[in-house]
Protein backbone atom coordinates (compact mmCIF):
# COMPACT_ATOMS: atom_id res chain seq x y z
CA MET A 1 0.15 0.22 -0.19
CA HIS A 2 1.00 3.44 -0.95
CA PRO A 3 2.52 5.51 2.09
CA ILE A 4 -0.03 7.96 1.86
CA LEU A 5 -3.19 5.27 1.78
CA ALA A 6 -1.46 3.78 4.85
CA ARG A 7 -1.39 6.90 6.66
CA ALA A 8 -5.44 7.23 5.67
CA GLU A 9 -5.88 4.24 7.12
CA ARG A 10 -4.04 4.22 10.25
CA LEU A 11 -5.72 8.14 11.38
CA THR A 12 -9.20 6.05 10.87
CA THR A 13 -8.00 3.41 12.46
CA TYR A 14 -7.56 5.63 15.57
CA LEU A 15 -9.69 8.02 15.58
CA ALA A 16 -12.57 5.39 15.14
CA ALA A 17 -10.80 3.80 18.52
CA TRP A 18 -11.21 6.82 20.50
CA LEU A 19 -14.83 7.64 19.11
CA ILE A 20 -15.68 3.96 20.82
CA VAL A 21 -13.74 4.75 24.28
CA ALA A 22 -15.06 8.00 24.30
CA VAL A 23 -18.77 6.78 23.97
CA LEU A 24 -17.87 3.95 26.76
CA LEU A 25 -16.41 6.84 28.79
CA ALA A 26 -19.49 9.15 28.62
CA ALA A 27 -21.80 6.32 29.19
CA VAL A 28 -20.07 5.67 32.72
CA LEU A 29 -19.91 8.99 33.21
CA THR A 30 -23.89 9.26 32.66
CA ARG A 31 -24.03 6.23 35.43
CA GLN A 32 -22.55 8.60 37.99
CA GLY A 33 -24.91 10.96 37.45
CA LEU A 34 -24.03 13.44 34.62
CA SER A 35 -26.05 14.31 31.44
CA TRP A 36 -25.08 12.61 28.01
CA LEU A 37 -24.45 16.78 27.26
CA GLU A 38 -22.07 17.29 30.30
CA ALA A 39 -20.10 14.08 29.85
CA LEU A 40 -19.74 14.86 26.46
CA ALA A 41 -18.55 18.75 27.22
CA LEU A 42 -15.77 16.84 29.72
CA LEU A 43 -14.48 14.38 26.71
CA LEU A 44 -15.02 17.14 23.99
CA PRO A 45 -11.15 18.63 25.00
CA MET A 46 -9.48 14.86 25.25
CA CYS A 47 -10.89 14.22 21.87
CA LEU A 48 -9.15 17.75 20.30
CA VAL A 49 -5.93 17.12 21.66
CA TYR A 50 -5.69 13.12 20.72
CA GLY A 51 -7.26 14.08 17.11
CA PHE A 52 -5.08 16.62 16.46
CA ALA A 53 -2.08 13.67 18.03
CA CYS A 54 -3.68 11.68 15.33
CA LEU A 55 -3.31 13.71 12.68
CA SER A 56 0.45 14.94 13.38
CA ALA A 57 1.33 11.67 13.54
CA CYS A 58 -0.03 10.53 10.36
CA SER A 59 0.73 13.14 7.96
CA THR A 60 4.73 13.28 9.01
CA ASN A 61 6.92 13.53 6.54
CA ASN A 62 3.77 13.94 3.96
CA ALA A 63 5.22 15.73 0.62
CA SER A 64 1.46 16.95 -0.14
CA PHE A 65 1.21 19.02 3.01
CA ASN A 66 4.56 18.93 5.20
CA CYS A 67 7.53 19.41 2.64
CA GLY A 68 8.55 20.28 -0.30
CA PRO A 69 6.30 23.76 -1.66
CA LEU A 70 7.67 25.89 -3.62
CA GLY A 71 10.04 28.76 -1.47
CA GLY A 72 9.94 26.15 1.29
CA LYS A 73 12.02 23.71 2.93
CA CYS A 74 12.71 20.25 1.32
CA CYS A 75 12.01 16.87 2.11
CA VAL A 76 13.65 14.82 4.20
CA ASP A 77 15.16 12.99 0.51
CA GLY A 78 15.70 16.18 -1.28
CA ALA A 79 12.42 15.86 -2.71
CA CYS A 80 10.08 18.91 -4.15
CA GLN A 81 6.59 19.54 -5.50
CA SER A 82 6.14 19.55 -9.26
CA GLY A 83 7.94 22.21 -10.85
CA GLY A 84 10.46 22.02 -7.51
CA ALA A 85 14.58 21.80 -7.11
CA CYS A 86 15.73 21.29 -3.79
CA VAL A 87 19.26 24.15 -4.12
CA ASN A 88 20.62 24.39 -0.31
CA GLY A 89 17.62 22.68 1.45
CA THR A 90 15.07 25.29 -0.30
CA CYS A 91 13.08 24.37 -2.83
CA GLN A 92 13.30 26.52 -6.03
CA SER A 93 11.85 26.59 -9.40
CA CYS A 94 13.67 24.27 -11.53
CA GLY A 95 13.62 23.50 -15.52
CA ALA A 96 13.56 26.99 -16.86
CA ALA A 97 16.30 28.63 -18.13
CA GLY A 98 18.50 30.01 -15.83
CA GLN A 99 17.07 28.02 -12.88
CA ALA A 100 18.52 24.86 -11.49
CA CYS A 101 18.30 21.42 -13.20
CA CYS A 102 15.28 19.82 -11.68
CA THR A 103 15.69 16.11 -10.12
CA GLY A 104 17.75 13.53 -12.64
CA ARG A 105 19.70 16.96 -14.49
CA ALA A 106 16.01 17.43 -16.44
CA CYS A 107 15.66 20.35 -17.96
CA GLY A 108 12.51 22.08 -20.01
CA SER A 109 12.27 21.87 -23.97
CA GLY A 110 15.12 23.62 -26.15
CA LEU A 111 17.76 23.96 -22.84
CA ALA A 112 20.04 21.18 -21.38
CA CYS A 113 21.75 21.12 -18.06
CA ALA A 114 25.34 22.49 -17.60
CA ASN A 115 27.06 23.22 -14.33
CA ASN A 116 23.46 21.91 -12.49
CA ALA A 117 21.84 25.32 -14.28
CA CYS A 118 19.96 25.15 -17.14
CA VAL A 119 21.31 26.86 -20.20
CA ALA A 120 19.88 27.32 -23.88
CA CYS A 121 20.90 24.28 -26.29
CA GLY A 122 21.44 23.86 -29.98
CA GLY A 123 22.10 26.98 -31.16
CA ALA A 124 25.81 27.69 -32.33
CA GLY A 125 27.95 28.20 -29.48
CA GLN A 126 25.48 26.63 -26.97
CA ALA A 127 25.41 23.22 -24.98
CA CYS A 128 24.35 21.13 -27.23
CA CYS A 129 20.69 19.37 -26.57
CA ALA A 130 19.41 15.77 -25.35
CA GLY A 131 21.18 13.09 -27.33
CA SER A 132 24.04 15.89 -28.70
CA ALA A 133 21.57 17.09 -31.08
CA CYS A 134 21.99 20.59 -32.65
CA ALA A 135 19.64 22.95 -34.57
CA SER A 136 19.49 23.64 -37.97
CA GLY A 137 22.10 20.88 -39.44
CA GLY A 138 24.42 22.28 -36.96
CA CYS A 139 27.30 19.95 -35.69
CA CYS A 140 28.03 18.79 -31.43
CA VAL A 141 31.49 18.80 -30.86
CA GLY A 142 33.41 18.76 -27.45
CA GLY A 143 29.19 19.64 -25.91
CA VAL A 144 29.18 22.78 -27.74
CA CYS A 145 27.08 23.18 -31.24
CA THR A 146 29.12 24.44 -34.06
CA ALA A 147 26.50 26.44 -37.02
CA SER A 148 26.37 24.13 -40.28
CA GLY A 149 28.63 26.02 -42.87
CA SER A 150 31.33 26.49 -39.67
CA THR A 151 34.45 24.77 -39.49
CA CYS A 152 34.46 22.05 -36.83
CA PRO A 153 36.71 22.37 -34.08
CA ASN A 154 39.05 20.02 -32.71
CA VAL A 155 37.88 17.93 -35.94
CA GLY A 156 38.72 19.81 -38.85
CA GLY A 157 36.52 20.39 -42.43
CA THR A 158 33.34 22.45 -42.65
CA CYS A 159 30.17 20.77 -40.99
CA MET A 160 27.70 20.14 -43.26
CA THR A 161 24.05 18.47 -41.61
CA GLY A 162 25.63 17.07 -38.56
CA SER A 163 28.49 15.99 -40.43
CA CYS A 164 32.14 17.41 -40.06
CA LEU A 165 34.80 17.02 -42.17
CA ASN A 166 32.40 18.44 -45.25
CA GLY A 167 29.79 15.97 -44.32
CA THR A 168 31.76 12.84 -44.46
CA CYS A 169 32.26 12.11 -40.71
CA GLY A 170 30.13 12.12 -37.95
CA ALA A 171 27.02 11.26 -38.82
CA ALA A 172 24.43 8.01 -38.87
CA GLY A 173 26.07 5.57 -40.84
CA GLN A 174 29.65 7.02 -40.91
CA THR A 175 32.74 6.66 -40.00
CA CYS A 176 33.57 8.38 -36.68
CA CYS A 177 35.28 11.37 -36.37
CA ALA A 178 38.73 11.94 -35.03
CA SER A 179 39.67 14.71 -32.96
CA THR A 180 42.98 16.63 -33.51
CA GLY A 181 43.61 19.79 -31.43
CA SER A 182 43.63 18.62 -28.21
CA GLY A 183 44.57 14.80 -29.05
CA PRO A 184 43.13 12.29 -31.35
CA GLY A 185 39.96 10.77 -30.24
CA GLU A 186 36.87 9.69 -32.24
CA VAL A 187 33.34 11.30 -32.05
CA CYS A 188 30.06 11.63 -33.59
CA THR A 189 28.97 15.29 -34.41
CA ALA A 190 25.31 14.34 -35.36
CA GLY A 191 22.14 14.31 -33.57
CA ASN A 192 21.03 10.92 -31.95
CA VAL A 193 24.22 9.46 -33.14
CA THR A 194 27.20 7.16 -30.78
CA CYS A 195 30.41 5.77 -32.08
CA SER A 196 30.20 2.57 -31.58
CA GLN A 197 33.79 0.75 -31.02
CA GLY A 198 35.83 3.79 -32.09
CA THR A 199 34.79 3.22 -36.03
CA GLN A 200 31.20 3.43 -36.85
CA CYS A 201 28.43 5.97 -36.17
CA ILE A 202 25.46 4.44 -35.29
CA ALA A 203 21.86 5.53 -34.21
CA CYS A 204 21.33 6.46 -30.14
CA GLY A 205 18.50 7.39 -27.86
CA GLY A 206 15.67 4.76 -29.44
CA ALA A 207 14.09 2.02 -27.61
CA GLY A 208 16.74 -1.54 -27.80
CA GLN A 209 19.39 1.23 -29.46
CA ALA A 210 22.95 1.98 -27.91
CA CYS A 211 22.45 4.84 -25.20
CA CYS A 212 23.39 8.46 -25.93
CA GLY A 213 26.00 10.73 -24.26
CA GLU A 214 25.91 11.05 -20.62
CA ARG A 215 23.44 7.85 -20.71
CA THR A 216 20.86 9.62 -22.02
CA CYS A 217 17.62 7.82 -23.90
CA THR A 218 15.70 10.36 -26.10
CA GLN A 219 12.55 8.40 -26.65
CA SER A 220 9.88 8.49 -23.91
CA GLY A 221 9.82 5.90 -21.31
CA TYR A 222 13.17 4.67 -21.85
CA ALA A 223 16.45 4.88 -20.05
CA CYS A 224 19.55 3.40 -20.51
CA ALA A 225 20.68 0.30 -18.87
CA ASN A 226 24.02 -2.07 -19.31
CA GLN A 227 24.47 1.00 -23.02
CA LEU A 228 20.95 0.46 -24.20
CA CYS A 229 17.90 2.37 -24.25
CA VAL A 230 15.36 0.01 -22.48
CA GLN A 231 11.62 0.51 -21.00
CA CYS A 232 12.25 1.96 -17.54
CA GLY A 233 9.67 3.38 -14.56
CA GLY A 234 7.97 -0.43 -13.58
CA ALA A 235 9.45 -2.18 -10.71
CA GLY A 236 12.99 -3.43 -10.60
CA GLN A 237 13.26 -1.67 -13.97
CA PRO A 238 16.14 1.82 -14.44
CA CYS A 239 14.13 4.72 -12.80
CA CYS A 240 12.93 6.87 -16.19
CA ALA A 241 14.60 10.68 -16.52
CA GLY A 242 14.06 12.87 -13.47
CA ALA A 243 14.46 9.45 -10.98
CA THR A 244 10.79 8.86 -11.53
CA CYS A 245 8.91 5.77 -11.43
CA MET A 246 5.51 4.47 -13.10
CA GLY A 247 2.67 3.08 -10.02
CA SER A 248 2.50 3.30 -6.40
CA GLY A 249 4.38 2.34 -3.87
CA LEU A 250 8.02 2.89 -5.98
CA SER A 251 10.51 5.02 -5.54
CA CYS A 252 14.13 5.25 -7.44
CA SER A 253 17.02 3.69 -5.32
CA ASP A 254 20.18 3.05 -7.33
CA GLY A 255 18.55 3.54 -10.30
CA ILE A 256 16.25 1.19 -10.54
CA CYS A 257 12.67 1.24 -9.42
CA ALA A 258 12.09 -0.76 -6.38
CA GLN A 259 9.50 -0.82 -3.25
CA CYS A 260 9.32 1.77 -1.48
CA GLY A 261 7.97 3.07 2.49
CA GLY A 262 8.82 -0.42 3.99
CA ALA A 263 11.16 -0.87 7.03
CA GLY A 264 14.55 -1.03 5.41
CA GLN A 265 12.60 0.08 2.25
CA PRO A 266 13.99 2.81 0.36
CA CYS A 267 11.62 6.46 1.46
CA CYS A 268 8.83 7.14 -1.07
CA THR A 269 9.35 10.24 -3.59
CA GLY A 270 9.01 13.01 -0.49
CA GLY A 271 10.55 11.25 2.42
CA LEU A 272 7.30 8.88 3.01
CA CYS A 273 7.46 5.94 5.32
CA ASN A 274 4.68 3.08 6.08
CA SER A 275 5.60 3.59 9.65
CA GLY A 276 8.83 4.91 11.79
CA CYS A 277 10.83 7.98 10.03
CA CYS A 278 12.56 8.06 6.73
CA ASP A 279 16.26 8.85 7.21
CA ALA A 280 18.22 10.72 4.53
CA GLY A 281 21.55 10.07 5.84
CA ARG A 282 21.60 6.29 4.83
CA GLU A 283 22.34 4.62 1.45
CA ASN A 284 19.48 5.06 -0.42
CA THR A 285 17.67 7.09 2.04
CA GLN A 286 15.64 4.77 3.73
CA CYS A 287 13.11 4.09 6.22
CA VAL A 288 13.70 3.11 9.84
CA ASN A 289 11.44 1.92 12.63
CA ASP A 290 10.41 4.25 15.88
CA GLY A 291 12.99 4.05 18.19
CA ALA A 292 15.53 3.23 15.70
CA THR A 293 19.08 5.37 16.07
CA CYS A 294 19.26 7.67 12.56
CA SER A 295 22.49 8.13 10.99
CA SER A 296 22.70 11.63 12.60
CA GLY A 297 22.81 9.88 15.51
CA GLY A 298 19.19 10.85 17.23
CA MET A 299 16.63 8.59 17.79
CA CYS A 300 14.02 8.32 15.19
CA ALA A 301 10.51 9.49 17.50
CA ASN A 302 7.88 11.15 16.14
CA GLY A 303 7.68 10.26 12.66
CA SER A 304 11.03 12.08 12.12
CA CYS A 305 15.05 11.74 12.43
CA PRO A 306 17.15 14.75 13.84
CA GLU A 307 17.64 17.00 10.73
CA PRO A 308 21.57 16.26 9.19
CA SER A 309 23.69 18.61 9.37
CA PRO A 310 23.51 21.50 6.27
CA GLY A 311 26.08 21.23 2.95
CA PRO A 312 29.80 21.53 3.10
CA ASN A 313 31.40 25.07 3.28
CA CYS A 314 33.89 25.90 0.79
CA THR A 315 35.94 27.83 3.62
CA THR A 316 35.61 25.72 6.53
CA ASP A 317 34.61 22.29 5.39
CA SER A 318 35.88 19.30 4.04
CA PHE A 319 34.37 17.89 0.80
CA PRO A 320 32.59 15.13 1.48
CA SER A 321 32.98 11.55 0.02
CA PHE A 322 30.92 9.45 -2.47
CA VAL A 323 30.44 6.04 -3.02
CA ARG A 324 32.81 4.81 -6.05
CA GLY A 325 32.01 1.48 -6.47
CA CYS A 326 30.44 0.13 -9.45
CA THR A 327 29.73 -3.71 -11.08
CA ASN A 328 29.84 -2.06 -14.76
CA SER A 329 30.23 1.13 -16.80
CA ASP A 330 27.06 1.98 -17.32
CA SER A 331 26.48 2.57 -13.02
CA CYS A 332 28.86 5.21 -13.39
CA VAL A 333 29.14 9.34 -14.03
CA ILE A 334 31.45 11.78 -13.83
CA GLY A 335 31.50 14.23 -10.78
CA PHE A 336 33.03 17.87 -11.69
CA HIS A 337 34.27 19.30 -7.87
CA GLN A 338 35.82 23.02 -7.66
CA ILE A 339 39.05 22.95 -5.78
CA ASN A 340 40.29 26.19 -5.84
CA CYS A 341 39.16 30.47 -5.67
CA CYS A 342 40.21 30.17 -9.20
CA GLY A 343 37.49 28.04 -10.47
CA THR A 344 40.00 25.21 -11.40
CA MET A 345 38.01 21.48 -11.02
CA THR A 346 38.45 17.84 -10.59
CA ALA A 347 36.54 15.37 -12.47
CA SER A 348 36.14 11.93 -10.52
CA GLY A 349 34.69 8.89 -11.46
CA ILE A 350 31.20 7.89 -8.48
CA ASN A 351 28.57 5.63 -9.14
CA HIS A 352 25.67 7.10 -10.59
CA SER A 353 23.18 6.30 -7.26
CA GLU A 354 25.27 9.37 -6.09
CA ARG A 355 24.97 12.24 -8.78
CA ASP A 356 22.18 13.87 -7.21
CA ALA A 357 23.84 14.16 -3.82
CA PHE A 358 26.81 15.04 -5.73
CA ASP A 359 25.20 17.88 -7.57
CA THR A 360 23.43 19.38 -3.92
CA ALA A 361 27.22 19.15 -2.36
CA GLU A 362 28.71 21.09 -5.25
CA GLN A 363 26.20 23.67 -4.91
CA SER A 364 26.65 24.38 -1.76
CA TRP A 365 30.23 24.16 -2.31
CA GLU A 366 30.52 26.37 -4.96
CA ALA A 367 28.34 28.78 -3.41
CA THR A 368 30.23 29.45 -0.51
CA CYS A 369 33.72 29.69 -2.38
CA PRO A 370 35.57 33.19 -2.54
CA GLN A 371 36.53 34.20 -6.23
CA CYS A 372 40.15 34.95 -7.21
CA GLY A 373 39.78 36.93 -10.57
CA CYS A 374 43.19 34.05 -11.23
CA ALA A 375 42.98 32.12 -14.27
CA THR A 376 41.42 28.88 -13.92
CA GLY A 377 43.39 25.93 -14.60
CA PRO A 378 43.11 22.59 -15.94
CA THR A 379 40.88 19.90 -14.74
CA THR A 380 42.26 16.93 -12.96
CA ILE A 381 41.25 13.62 -13.35
CA ASP A 382 41.71 10.36 -11.09
CA ASP A 383 44.95 9.30 -11.87
CA GLY A 384 46.42 12.86 -11.48
CA THR A 385 46.86 13.95 -14.78
CA THR A 386 45.36 16.84 -16.58
CA CYS A 387 42.71 16.54 -19.49
CA ASP A 388 40.03 18.90 -21.40
CA ASN A 389 36.75 18.08 -19.92
CA GLU A 390 35.41 17.29 -23.69
CA ARG A 391 37.90 14.22 -23.60
CA ILE A 392 37.37 13.06 -19.82
CA THR A 393 35.35 9.48 -19.95
CA VAL A 394 34.25 7.23 -17.11
CA SER A 395 34.64 3.47 -16.58
CA CYS A 396 34.23 0.78 -13.96
CA ASP A 397 38.08 -0.25 -13.25
CA ASN A 398 38.17 -3.12 -10.85
CA GLY A 399 34.85 -2.17 -9.16
CA THR A 400 35.69 1.31 -8.52
CA CYS A 401 34.18 4.25 -11.25
CA THR A 402 37.50 6.02 -12.56
CA THR A 403 37.71 8.75 -14.59
CA HIS A 404 40.36 9.10 -17.40
CA CYS A 405 41.30 11.11 -20.63
CA GLN A 406 40.41 10.04 -24.27
CA PRO A 407 43.62 9.34 -26.09
């Protein structure tokens, strides 16, 4: 049963039980010489107190009533009501140009998520849209769109209808383009195509097709798993875009839609549990029983765990660590972290389940970092070397998500 329905059922049960008790007590009082009206007058304050307590207990952490409104406090699992994203503990409007990216790095039509903000995409000089697509036959090179008729950077030749080298490479059915300038590499430049085995550009993003860049699928109802676009949202299936699942009683946990709300299960969206508390500090945000010790060190009581500490402060704290374990490369993503006041970044491999937590921590970190006005240095990857951002890849190496520089 969905946690909201479970809470409503408990509330009805509690109130019905108290009504029976109240009637019995009233009968006893009338036997002592009081009228029914006098007996009910004595019991009314107790009824009101008990009813209020039941309502409070049964609605704790309910995103529909207590948490997640725009401008208000985020739910304990970081969820916000529709149209909002959790930024530094407050639900802010998301998905529009200049706003924060919504859950799962989602943005509105014609926009892409870059540095945790939604920016215009597809035009010349703008970020590439989902599926590495560019408007009007442009070419996507290094995550940036080049206009048709212009020279393709780091590849060479003229961009022609999504193909570089004068229309000879980078589109579906053509060979992958060899990157130059910043080092050799095999790339595709047209929308909804990806480089297969470093040689051929093949269609991506559709049902049963290979995933496009950033593990994206462009067909509705499909998500990336094991490097293929498969159906999403059902129990045991990958989560759909925005970390969403279909049907009641399911929540996105470690990238998979799983049963939620029970003790030891993931919290349902909005921090809902059938009973007990939603412990946001546990891996995958888990429900715990009343009286259990929460990850913050306090005890689960009255439907809530003690609040976790605020996000890391660049000037006083150390940046937290995140899970890097993996079973395959498909479960890895790249996390970019600012390391100094010049804006220099590191690129580390993390498990894809940590994406939202990493982005939230990075937002808090960057918001508290002073700006020195100095030149930004090159990005450092996991082996300590530097690399251009567009050449950074991630793979699962011996059970650890690890970044590399594409040769």
